[in-house]
């Protein structure tokens, strides 16, 4: 095969692989068995080969098919979390737990506390109680037909992937960065040929520059991109492996003399803007201590001067800043001056629009004219911002008891405030939302035409991927709030982890809520079963290489009839942070058949890796009424000595309610706005030039000419639709 690292990226992101050019002139009928065997084992992992890939492999060699097989099995097992045995604590789960009474459970907890880390001794105790492994026969015909399709990638596909990722208009996730690092390291391309005139998202820009510098590209090639002091600060932070959103402190590295000169030269070339530096004054001062502008004052005089003024003239600089003026005018309730200063910065105007309109209504000004003034400047506001702003005004008066905030760059510090927003006139909100939508269509109409567009109604379930910076790595990259249909009444939750050097106890738990978010019940290591729910037992150690696994089976038809929502919670009882573990992932399976093992990868519908610097995770919520999983992906650190669902109850409830009550732009809306602006919407999928759908795997073999875009193609969405 071609480079394995690149194929890993393609397989994870596009369900494609790049193949070697070793085709024979005709099909080799003797290879049918090898290809069929490969496809059969892939099906048991939830995947299959496309028709094109099947044809291709039958024109290669037996040795090459074996090479492809080894790669695919190793990588897909890693992707679906099936690298080893994942046995529950009790054999024959869930039957054995369902038949145990409270006394049995107490006794087994005592036994496990003494013998649980010695699996052989614990198994002997289980046999004494008559609990043994029960083999369940499983026919091959029961293998799921809802399979992910692996197709062939071309060099053009790879080039488009790189270009789309570079042109992304939303912040890179951790996975995006890891994938880009691989693509820059192992794929030969001329970065100068694909660099755009500007990179809209500054955090992404400095990451691209860092990767390019590592490849030996001269910094001069990027000087046209670094236009402000903040751009240079972000670059210095990126070179120091810090948080380029600038929301957290960075410990700057000891720059080499060459790096110091490069940074000072960039500062010297910039137009003087001390206000730009004042927003992150302490960070600039710490950077100055590392790059020594005083040492080079003769060579870079402008750089020395701005650092000197920032250190010694803070108060004077503050009096002339944008924010100082804006806040002074708001304090004086001077609408005309507020608008005058906001019009100099359309992005700030967008972020302050609700505040201005609220003040305008209180002063009985013409608020509709304020919206018109904003719209005239909105061409300079990112489409992602406009989409979020339009959604906000559509639901502006749907007041909840509190508002939840997710701090930029550190979602683990989620917090809530009492909702004291003043209601705005419904007609004003409607006018704002409509005007913003029309502006979005106007901006999008300047992009390349799309032709005939088919839009799957299922896209209404998916939140548009506008903020993926700190999302966890999943089988399918998704924005928080996205919903996934549960296809069967029975599902199995799973949590698997492998500890490092000491015994690590993670706990998989669920909390049941009613319509008003009052807790009805829970299932955890303290309570192994309730109506419709069964826990597999409390695993308290997960030694390598097998690790430990906990399960919870849920029968949605047998849940307490008062239950509306189920929150899934992961707690590190022994307070290890998730990133300290060798491996940790969570997800669920659709139990559409009897399983002969507790974990069957072909039934996995969702899987997410837990790698954050936190000790609590709320990966998803189950909405009983709609029969859907709601992707939550909120993680934080428990402050109590005991870390379980009881001690974190209040915060968990706040997070659950906030995710379900938050309105975000849907993928269906983003696709439709692009179709209206740039093409023609069609109802017949066979007529389409572009198909927006979440069912790509059902179309790969059937539709050859149309381009298929799914909600999971985040690099395409962020570069071509925004």
Foldseek 3Di string as FASTA:
>chain_A
DPDLLLQLLCCLQPLEGADDPAFAPDFDPVCPVLQVVLQLVVLLQQAGEFPQVSRRVRRHDSVRSVVVSVSVVVSSCVFLVNPFAAAFQFAPPPVVQVPDDPVRLVVLVVVCVVCVVPSVVSVVVCVVVVGDHDFDDDDSVPRDPQGFYRYYDDVVNVVVLLLLLQQFQFADAPVSLVSNLSCLVRPDDDPLVRHDLERNDLLSLLSVVVSVVVVVDDCVSCLSHQADLLSLLLNQQVVQVHQSVLPDAGDGDQDDLVVLVVSLVSQLPYDDDLLVCLVNLVSVLNVCVRSVCVVCCPVRVNSVVSNVCSVPPVVVNVCPHLVNQLVVCVVVLPLVSNLVSCLVPLQVCLVCLLVSLVSCVVVVHDSLVSLVSSLVSCLPYDLQSLQFSLLCLVCVPVDDQWAWDQDPPHSQPIDIDGDPDDDDDNVSSVSNNVSSLVSSLVNLLPAAFFAEEEEDPLLQQAFQPRHQHHFFDKSFRGDFFRKDAQPAQKKKKKKWFEADDDWWWKKKKKFFAFPVLDTDDMDILVHQDDFQKGKSHGNGGFHPDRGHMIMMMGRLVGPDPRTFKMWIKMFGQVQAALQNTPWIKIFMFRPPDDDSGPDRSSRTPMMTTRRDRAGMFGQWMAGSVRNIIGGQGHGYHDPDNGIDCVSCVVVSSVSVVNSNPDGGHTPSVLSVSSCVSRYHYDHDPQPGQEYEDQSVSVCVNPDDRHHYDYSRSNSCCSNPSD
